[in-house]
């Protein structure tokens, strides 16, 4: 598992597999709002319906500081 964070976009990505190729996410589930509507969650699935990773928009408001501190900066 790997977590990356783009401060400018305030977006984090939790990668659940070793590698996610650009063309590998065949399906995305959008618009899962966090409680309080502070952020949004997007889940990436491969062609076989397995979860590849989770994108978190508004990350600084919905992730703990310790989690963001561990994330690789983009």
C-alpha atoms as a PDB file:
ATOM      1  CA  UNK A   1       0.000   0.000   0.000  1.00  0.00           C
ATOM      2  CA  UNK A   2       1.231   3.477  -0.865  1.00  0.00           C
ATOM      3  CA  UNK A   3      -0.191   6.941  -0.130  1.00  0.00           C
ATOM      4  CA  UNK A   4       0.632   9.989  -2.232  1.00  0.00           C
ATOM      5  CA  UNK A   5      -0.460  13.597  -1.719  1.00  0.00           C
ATOM      6  CA  UNK A   6      -0.649  16.519  -4.118  1.00  0.00           C
ATOM      7  CA  UNK A   7      -0.777  19.633  -1.921  1.00  0.00           C
ATOM      8  CA  UNK A   8      -1.707  21.983  -4.776  1.00  0.00           C
ATOM      9  CA  UNK A   9      -4.745  19.852  -5.696  1.00  0.00           C
ATOM     10  CA  UNK A  10      -5.356  18.840  -2.053  1.00  0.00           C
ATOM     11  CA  UNK A  11      -5.767  15.280  -3.295  1.00  0.00           C
ATOM     12  CA  UNK A  12      -4.440  12.045  -1.827  1.00  0.00           C
ATOM     13  CA  UNK A  13      -4.305   8.623  -3.460  1.00  0.00           C
ATOM     14  CA  UNK A  14      -4.225   5.378  -1.507  1.00  0.00           C
ATOM     15  CA  UNK A  15      -2.808   2.774  -3.866  1.00  0.00           C
ATOM     16  CA  UNK A  16      -3.750  -0.745  -2.758  1.00  0.00           C
ATOM     17  CA  UNK A  17      -1.739  -2.685  -5.357  1.00  0.00           C
ATOM     18  CA  UNK A  18       1.957  -2.600  -6.242  1.00  0.00           C
ATOM     19  CA  UNK A  19       1.408  -0.567  -9.402  1.00  0.00           C
ATOM     20  CA  UNK A  20      -1.513   1.160 -11.138  1.00  0.00           C
ATOM     21  CA  UNK A  21      -0.927   1.764 -14.853  1.00  0.00           C
ATOM     22  CA  UNK A  22      -2.628   4.774 -16.470  1.00  0.00           C
ATOM     23  CA  UNK A  23      -4.943   2.533 -18.514  1.00  0.00           C
ATOM     24  CA  UNK A  24      -5.646  -0.020 -15.782  1.00  0.00           C
ATOM     25  CA  UNK A  25      -8.538   1.668 -13.953  1.00  0.00           C
ATOM     26  CA  UNK A  26     -11.423   0.558 -16.127  1.00  0.00           C
ATOM     27  CA  UNK A  27     -14.185   1.736 -13.788  1.00  0.00           C
ATOM     28  CA  UNK A  28     -14.438   4.557 -11.273  1.00  0.00           C
ATOM     29  CA  UNK A  29     -17.097   5.175  -8.651  1.00  0.00           C
ATOM     30  CA  UNK A  30     -17.397   8.951  -8.138  1.00  0.00           C
ATOM     31  CA  UNK A  31     -19.164  11.334  -5.834  1.00  0.00           C
ATOM     32  CA  UNK A  32     -18.956   9.603  -2.511  1.00  0.00           C
ATOM     33  CA  UNK A  33     -19.104  12.608  -0.195  1.00  0.00           C
ATOM     34  CA  UNK A  34     -17.529  12.488   3.234  1.00  0.00           C
ATOM     35  CA  UNK A  35     -19.558  13.345   6.344  1.00  0.00           C
ATOM     36  CA  UNK A  36     -19.908  17.112   6.563  1.00  0.00           C
ATOM     37  CA  UNK A  37     -19.233  17.334   2.812  1.00  0.00           C
ATOM     38  CA  UNK A  38     -15.602  18.225   3.445  1.00  0.00           C
ATOM     39  CA  UNK A  39     -14.235  15.924   0.751  1.00  0.00           C
ATOM     40  CA  UNK A  40     -15.002  13.433  -1.978  1.00  0.00           C
ATOM     41  CA  UNK A  41     -13.938   9.825  -2.503  1.00  0.00           C
ATOM     42  CA  UNK A  42     -13.321   8.181  -5.894  1.00  0.00           C
ATOM     43  CA  UNK A  43     -12.660   4.428  -6.084  1.00  0.00           C
ATOM     44  CA  UNK A  44     -10.707   2.911  -9.006  1.00  0.00           C
ATOM     45  CA  UNK A  45     -11.477  -0.669 -10.105  1.00  0.00           C
ATOM     46  CA  UNK A  46      -9.698  -2.915 -12.602  1.00  0.00           C
ATOM     47  CA  UNK A  47     -11.493  -4.769 -15.416  1.00  0.00           C
ATOM     48  CA  UNK A  48     -12.235  -7.683 -13.082  1.00  0.00           C
ATOM     49  CA  UNK A  49     -13.880  -5.500 -10.427  1.00  0.00           C
ATOM     50  CA  UNK A  50     -10.989  -5.454  -7.961  1.00  0.00           C
ATOM     51  CA  UNK A  51     -10.135  -2.219  -6.159  1.00  0.00           C
ATOM     52  CA  UNK A  52      -6.857  -0.633  -7.271  1.00  0.00           C
ATOM     53  CA  UNK A  53      -6.946   2.498  -5.172  1.00  0.00           C
ATOM     54  CA  UNK A  54      -8.908   5.317  -3.622  1.00  0.00           C
ATOM     55  CA  UNK A  55      -8.577   9.018  -4.456  1.00  0.00           C
ATOM     56  CA  UNK A  56      -9.473  11.510  -1.734  1.00  0.00           C
ATOM     57  CA  UNK A  57     -10.302  15.082  -2.726  1.00  0.00           C
ATOM     58  CA  UNK A  58     -10.211  17.672   0.048  1.00  0.00           C
ATOM     59  CA  UNK A  59      -7.652  15.437   1.734  1.00  0.00           C
ATOM     60  CA  UNK A  60      -6.367  17.928   4.319  1.00  0.00           C
ATOM     61  CA  UNK A  61      -9.885  18.201   5.767  1.00  0.00           C
ATOM     62  CA  UNK A  62     -10.697  14.471   5.895  1.00  0.00           C
ATOM     63  CA  UNK A  63      -7.385  12.741   6.605  1.00  0.00           C
ATOM     64  CA  UNK A  64      -5.468  12.907   9.850  1.00  0.00           C
ATOM     65  CA  UNK A  65      -2.314  15.026   9.864  1.00  0.00           C
ATOM     66  CA  UNK A  66      -0.228  11.939  10.680  1.00  0.00           C
ATOM     67  CA  UNK A  67      -1.559  10.190   7.576  1.00  0.00           C
ATOM     68  CA  UNK A  68      -0.716  13.137   5.315  1.00  0.00           C
ATOM     69  CA  UNK A  69       2.719  13.421   6.935  1.00  0.00           C
ATOM     70  CA  UNK A  70       3.460   9.823   5.866  1.00  0.00           C
ATOM     71  CA  UNK A  71       2.287  10.392   2.287  1.00  0.00           C
ATOM     72  CA  UNK A  72       4.752  10.756  -0.564  1.00  0.00           C
ATOM     73  CA  UNK A  73       4.555  14.295  -1.971  1.00  0.00           C
ATOM     74  CA  UNK A  74       3.882  14.732  -5.674  1.00  0.00           C
END
